[in-house]
Amino acid sequence: MARRYSLRIDNDLWSIIDIATQDPAKLDGVVLSRMPPGEAHQMLKILKNIERLRGFSTKYATSTIRISRLSQTAKRAAVSPWLRTNT
């Protein structure tokens, strides 16, 4: 997974930076800047875990859709020979 966030220090206070925009990251609308070092490192871990969970969620949703399509295809294939012989 690509790195999305980094830490930046400014006058002994830390900010979490969104690498894509180079702006301070936000979590639920709260700007994650000007924090003590310990808090910034913990928030960075939280953001990384949220991104990881989003990735798992997307993979799960995609897998569920594929399985559903395969199941529908298998049902059609099982019914098709019967329809062909009785029509």
N, C-alpha and C. Protein backbone atom coordinates (compact mmCIF):
# COMPACT_ATOMS: atom_id res chain seq x y z
N MET A 1 0.85 -1.17 0.00
CA MET A 1 0.00 0.00 0.00
C MET A 1 0.90 1.24 0.00
N ALA A 2 0.52 2.20 -0.78
CA ALA A 2 1.30 3.43 -0.90
C ALA A 2 1.18 4.27 0.37
N ARG A 3 2.26 4.95 0.69
CA ARG A 3 2.22 5.85 1.84
C ARG A 3 1.35 7.05 1.52
N ARG A 4 0.43 7.36 2.41
CA ARG A 4 -0.44 8.49 2.16
C ARG A 4 -0.16 9.65 3.11
N TYR A 5 0.41 9.37 4.26
CA TYR A 5 0.62 10.40 5.28
C TYR A 5 2.08 10.45 5.71
N SER A 6 2.51 11.62 6.15
CA SER A 6 3.83 11.77 6.75
C SER A 6 3.73 12.76 7.90
N LEU A 7 4.80 12.82 8.69
CA LEU A 7 4.85 13.76 9.81
C LEU A 7 5.73 14.94 9.46
N ARG A 8 5.35 16.09 9.94
CA ARG A 8 6.16 17.30 9.75
C ARG A 8 6.23 18.03 11.10
N ILE A 9 7.43 18.48 11.45
CA ILE A 9 7.63 19.19 12.71
C ILE A 9 7.80 20.68 12.42
N ASP A 10 7.20 21.50 13.28
CA ASP A 10 7.30 22.95 13.16
C ASP A 10 7.25 23.54 14.57
N ASN A 11 8.36 24.08 15.02
CA ASN A 11 8.44 24.69 16.37
C ASN A 11 8.03 23.72 17.47
N ASP A 12 8.60 22.53 17.45
CA ASP A 12 8.35 21.49 18.45
C ASP A 12 6.94 20.93 18.45
N LEU A 13 6.10 21.30 17.49
CA LEU A 13 4.76 20.72 17.36
C LEU A 13 4.69 19.99 16.02
N TRP A 14 3.94 18.91 15.99
CA TRP A 14 3.91 18.03 14.84
C TRP A 14 2.58 18.11 14.11
N SER A 15 2.64 17.92 12.82
CA SER A 15 1.44 17.84 11.99
C SER A 15 1.51 16.57 11.15
N ILE A 16 0.34 16.01 10.85
CA ILE A 16 0.27 14.89 9.93
C ILE A 16 -0.12 15.47 8.58
N ILE A 17 0.69 15.18 7.58
CA ILE A 17 0.52 15.76 6.26
C ILE A 17 0.02 14.70 5.28
N ASP A 18 -1.01 15.06 4.53
CA ASP A 18 -1.49 14.22 3.44
C ASP A 18 -0.51 14.42 2.28
N ILE A 19 0.19 13.38 1.90
CA ILE A 19 1.25 13.49 0.89
C ILE A 19 0.70 13.98 -0.45
N ALA A 20 -0.52 13.56 -0.79
CA ALA A 20 -1.07 13.94 -2.09
C ALA A 20 -1.33 15.44 -2.20
N THR A 21 -1.78 16.06 -1.11
CA THR A 21 -2.14 17.49 -1.17
C THR A 21 -1.10 18.38 -0.51
N GLN A 22 -0.23 17.79 0.29
CA GLN A 22 0.76 18.53 1.10
C GLN A 22 0.09 19.45 2.13
N ASP A 23 -1.18 19.19 2.44
CA ASP A 23 -1.91 19.92 3.48
C ASP A 23 -2.02 19.04 4.70
N PRO A 24 -2.27 19.66 5.87
CA PRO A 24 -2.50 18.83 7.06
C PRO A 24 -3.69 17.89 6.83
N ALA A 25 -3.53 16.66 7.28
CA ALA A 25 -4.61 15.67 7.14
C ALA A 25 -5.76 16.04 8.07
N LYS A 26 -6.93 15.51 7.74
CA LYS A 26 -8.12 15.72 8.56
C LYS A 26 -8.72 14.37 8.90
N LEU A 27 -9.28 14.29 10.09
CA LEU A 27 -10.01 13.10 10.53
C LEU A 27 -11.35 13.58 11.05
N ASP A 28 -12.42 13.21 10.36
CA ASP A 28 -13.77 13.67 10.69
C ASP A 28 -13.84 15.19 10.77
N GLY A 29 -13.15 15.86 9.87
CA GLY A 29 -13.18 17.31 9.81
C GLY A 29 -12.22 18.02 10.75
N VAL A 30 -11.52 17.28 11.58
CA VAL A 30 -10.57 17.87 12.53
C VAL A 30 -9.18 17.87 11.89
N VAL A 31 -8.57 19.03 11.81
CA VAL A 31 -7.24 19.16 11.23
C VAL A 31 -6.22 18.60 12.21
N LEU A 32 -5.36 17.71 11.72
CA LEU A 32 -4.39 17.03 12.57
C LEU A 32 -3.05 17.77 12.50
N SER A 33 -2.99 18.90 13.18
CA SER A 33 -1.76 19.69 13.16
C SER A 33 -1.50 20.26 14.55
N ARG A 34 -0.24 20.67 14.75
CA ARG A 34 0.22 21.31 15.98
C ARG A 34 -0.04 20.44 17.22
N MET A 35 0.44 19.20 17.14
CA MET A 35 0.28 18.24 18.23
C MET A 35 1.63 17.93 18.87
N PRO A 36 1.63 17.51 20.12
CA PRO A 36 2.86 16.99 20.72
C PRO A 36 3.29 15.73 19.97
N PRO A 37 4.58 15.40 20.01
CA PRO A 37 5.08 14.27 19.22
C PRO A 37 4.37 12.94 19.48
N GLY A 38 4.12 12.63 20.73
CA GLY A 38 3.47 11.35 21.05
C GLY A 38 2.07 11.26 20.47
N GLU A 39 1.33 12.33 20.58
CA GLU A 39 -0.02 12.36 20.02
C GLU A 39 0.01 12.24 18.50
N ALA A 40 0.94 12.92 17.86
CA ALA A 40 1.05 12.88 16.40
C ALA A 40 1.36 11.46 15.93
N HIS A 41 2.27 10.78 16.60
CA HIS A 41 2.62 9.41 16.21
C HIS A 41 1.42 8.47 16.39
N GLN A 42 0.66 8.64 17.47
CA GLN A 42 -0.52 7.81 17.70
C GLN A 42 -1.59 8.08 16.63
N MET A 43 -1.80 9.34 16.30
CA MET A 43 -2.79 9.68 15.27
C MET A 43 -2.38 9.14 13.91
N LEU A 44 -1.09 9.14 13.63
CA LEU A 44 -0.60 8.59 12.37
C LEU A 44 -0.90 7.09 12.30
N LYS A 45 -0.69 6.39 13.40
CA LYS A 45 -1.02 4.96 13.45
C LYS A 45 -2.51 4.74 13.20
N ILE A 46 -3.35 5.58 13.82
CA ILE A 46 -4.80 5.46 13.64
C ILE A 46 -5.17 5.66 12.18
N LEU A 47 -4.63 6.70 11.56
CA LEU A 47 -4.93 6.95 10.14
C LEU A 47 -4.49 5.80 9.25
N LYS A 48 -3.33 5.25 9.51
CA LYS A 48 -2.84 4.12 8.72
C LYS A 48 -3.76 2.90 8.89
N ASN A 49 -4.24 2.67 10.11
CA ASN A 49 -5.14 1.54 10.34
C ASN A 49 -6.49 1.76 9.66
N ILE A 50 -6.98 3.00 9.66
CA ILE A 50 -8.23 3.31 8.96
C ILE A 50 -8.08 3.02 7.48
N GLU A 51 -6.97 3.44 6.89
CA GLU A 51 -6.72 3.19 5.47
C GLU A 51 -6.63 1.69 5.19
N ARG A 52 -6.00 0.97 6.09
CA ARG A 52 -5.88 -0.48 5.92
C ARG A 52 -7.26 -1.14 5.96
N LEU A 53 -8.11 -0.71 6.89
CA LEU A 53 -9.46 -1.27 6.98
C LEU A 53 -10.29 -0.92 5.75
N ARG A 54 -10.12 0.28 5.23
CA ARG A 54 -10.83 0.65 4.00
C ARG A 54 -10.41 -0.26 2.85
N GLY A 55 -9.15 -0.58 2.79
CA GLY A 55 -8.66 -1.48 1.75
C GLY A 55 -9.28 -2.86 1.88
N PHE A 56 -9.35 -3.39 3.11
CA PHE A 56 -9.96 -4.69 3.33
C PHE A 56 -11.44 -4.65 2.97
N SER A 57 -12.11 -3.58 3.33
CA SER A 57 -13.53 -3.43 3.05
C SER A 57 -13.79 -3.44 1.55
N THR A 58 -12.97 -2.73 0.80
CA THR A 58 -13.11 -2.68 -0.65
C THR A 58 -12.87 -4.06 -1.26
N LYS A 59 -11.83 -4.75 -0.79
CA LYS A 59 -11.54 -6.09 -1.30
C LYS A 59 -12.68 -7.06 -1.00
N TYR A 60 -13.25 -6.95 0.21
CA TYR A 60 -14.36 -7.82 0.60
C TYR A 60 -15.58 -7.56 -0.28
N ALA A 61 -15.89 -6.28 -0.49
CA ALA A 61 -17.05 -5.93 -1.32
C ALA A 61 -16.86 -6.45 -2.74
N THR A 62 -15.69 -6.29 -3.29
CA THR A 62 -15.40 -6.77 -4.65
C THR A 62 -15.53 -8.28 -4.72
N SER A 63 -15.01 -8.99 -3.73
CA SER A 63 -15.10 -10.45 -3.70
C SER A 63 -16.55 -10.90 -3.61
N THR A 64 -17.34 -10.23 -2.80
CA THR A 64 -18.74 -10.59 -2.64
C THR A 64 -19.50 -10.43 -3.95
N ILE A 65 -19.23 -9.35 -4.66
CA ILE A 65 -19.88 -9.14 -5.96
C ILE A 65 -19.48 -10.23 -6.94
N ARG A 66 -18.20 -10.58 -6.98
CA ARG A 66 -17.75 -11.63 -7.89
C ARG A 66 -18.39 -12.98 -7.57
N ILE A 67 -18.46 -13.31 -6.30
CA ILE A 67 -19.06 -14.58 -5.88
C ILE A 67 -20.53 -14.61 -6.25
N SER A 68 -21.21 -13.50 -6.05
CA SER A 68 -22.62 -13.42 -6.40
C SER A 68 -22.83 -13.64 -7.90
N ARG A 69 -21.99 -13.02 -8.71
CA ARG A 69 -22.10 -13.19 -10.17
C ARG A 69 -21.82 -14.63 -10.58
N LEU A 70 -20.80 -15.24 -9.97
CA LEU A 70 -20.49 -16.63 -10.28
C LEU A 70 -21.64 -17.55 -9.89
N SER A 71 -22.24 -17.27 -8.75
CA SER A 71 -23.36 -18.08 -8.29
C SER A 71 -24.54 -17.97 -9.25
N GLN A 72 -24.83 -16.76 -9.71
CA GLN A 72 -25.93 -16.57 -10.66
C GLN A 72 -25.64 -17.28 -11.98
N THR A 73 -24.40 -17.22 -12.43
CA THR A 73 -24.00 -17.89 -13.67
C THR A 73 -24.13 -19.40 -13.52
N ALA A 74 -23.74 -19.93 -12.39
CA ALA A 74 -23.82 -21.37 -12.14
C ALA A 74 -25.28 -21.82 -12.11
N LYS A 75 -26.15 -21.01 -11.51
CA LYS A 75 -27.57 -21.36 -11.46
C LYS A 75 -28.16 -21.39 -12.86
N ARG A 76 -27.80 -20.41 -13.69
CA ARG A 76 -28.30 -20.36 -15.07
C ARG A 76 -27.79 -21.56 -15.86
N ALA A 77 -26.54 -21.92 -15.67
CA ALA A 77 -25.96 -23.06 -16.38
C ALA A 77 -26.63 -24.36 -15.97
N ALA A 78 -27.01 -24.48 -14.71
CA ALA A 78 -27.66 -25.69 -14.23
C ALA A 78 -29.08 -25.80 -14.77
N VAL A 79 -29.74 -24.70 -14.98
CA VAL A 79 -31.12 -24.70 -15.46
C VAL A 79 -31.17 -24.82 -16.98
N SER A 80 -30.22 -24.27 -17.67
CA SER A 80 -30.26 -24.20 -19.13
C SER A 80 -30.43 -25.56 -19.81
N PRO A 81 -29.70 -26.61 -19.45
CA PRO A 81 -29.89 -27.89 -20.14
C PRO A 81 -31.31 -28.43 -19.98
N TRP A 82 -31.91 -28.26 -18.85
CA TRP A 82 -33.26 -28.73 -18.62
C TRP A 82 -34.23 -27.99 -19.51
N LEU A 83 -34.05 -26.68 -19.63
CA LEU A 83 -34.94 -25.89 -20.48
C LEU A 83 -34.81 -26.31 -21.95
N ARG A 84 -33.60 -26.61 -22.37
CA ARG A 84 -33.36 -26.98 -23.76
C ARG A 84 -34.00 -28.32 -24.11
N THR A 85 -33.98 -29.28 -23.18
CA THR A 85 -34.53 -30.60 -23.48
C THR A 85 -36.05 -30.63 -23.38
N ASN A 86 -36.66 -29.70 -22.66
CA ASN A 86 -38.11 -29.73 -22.47
C ASN A 86 -38.84 -28.68 -23.30
N THR A 87 -38.18 -27.98 -24.18
CA THR A 87 -38.85 -26.97 -24.98
C THR A 87 -38.96 -27.37 -26.42
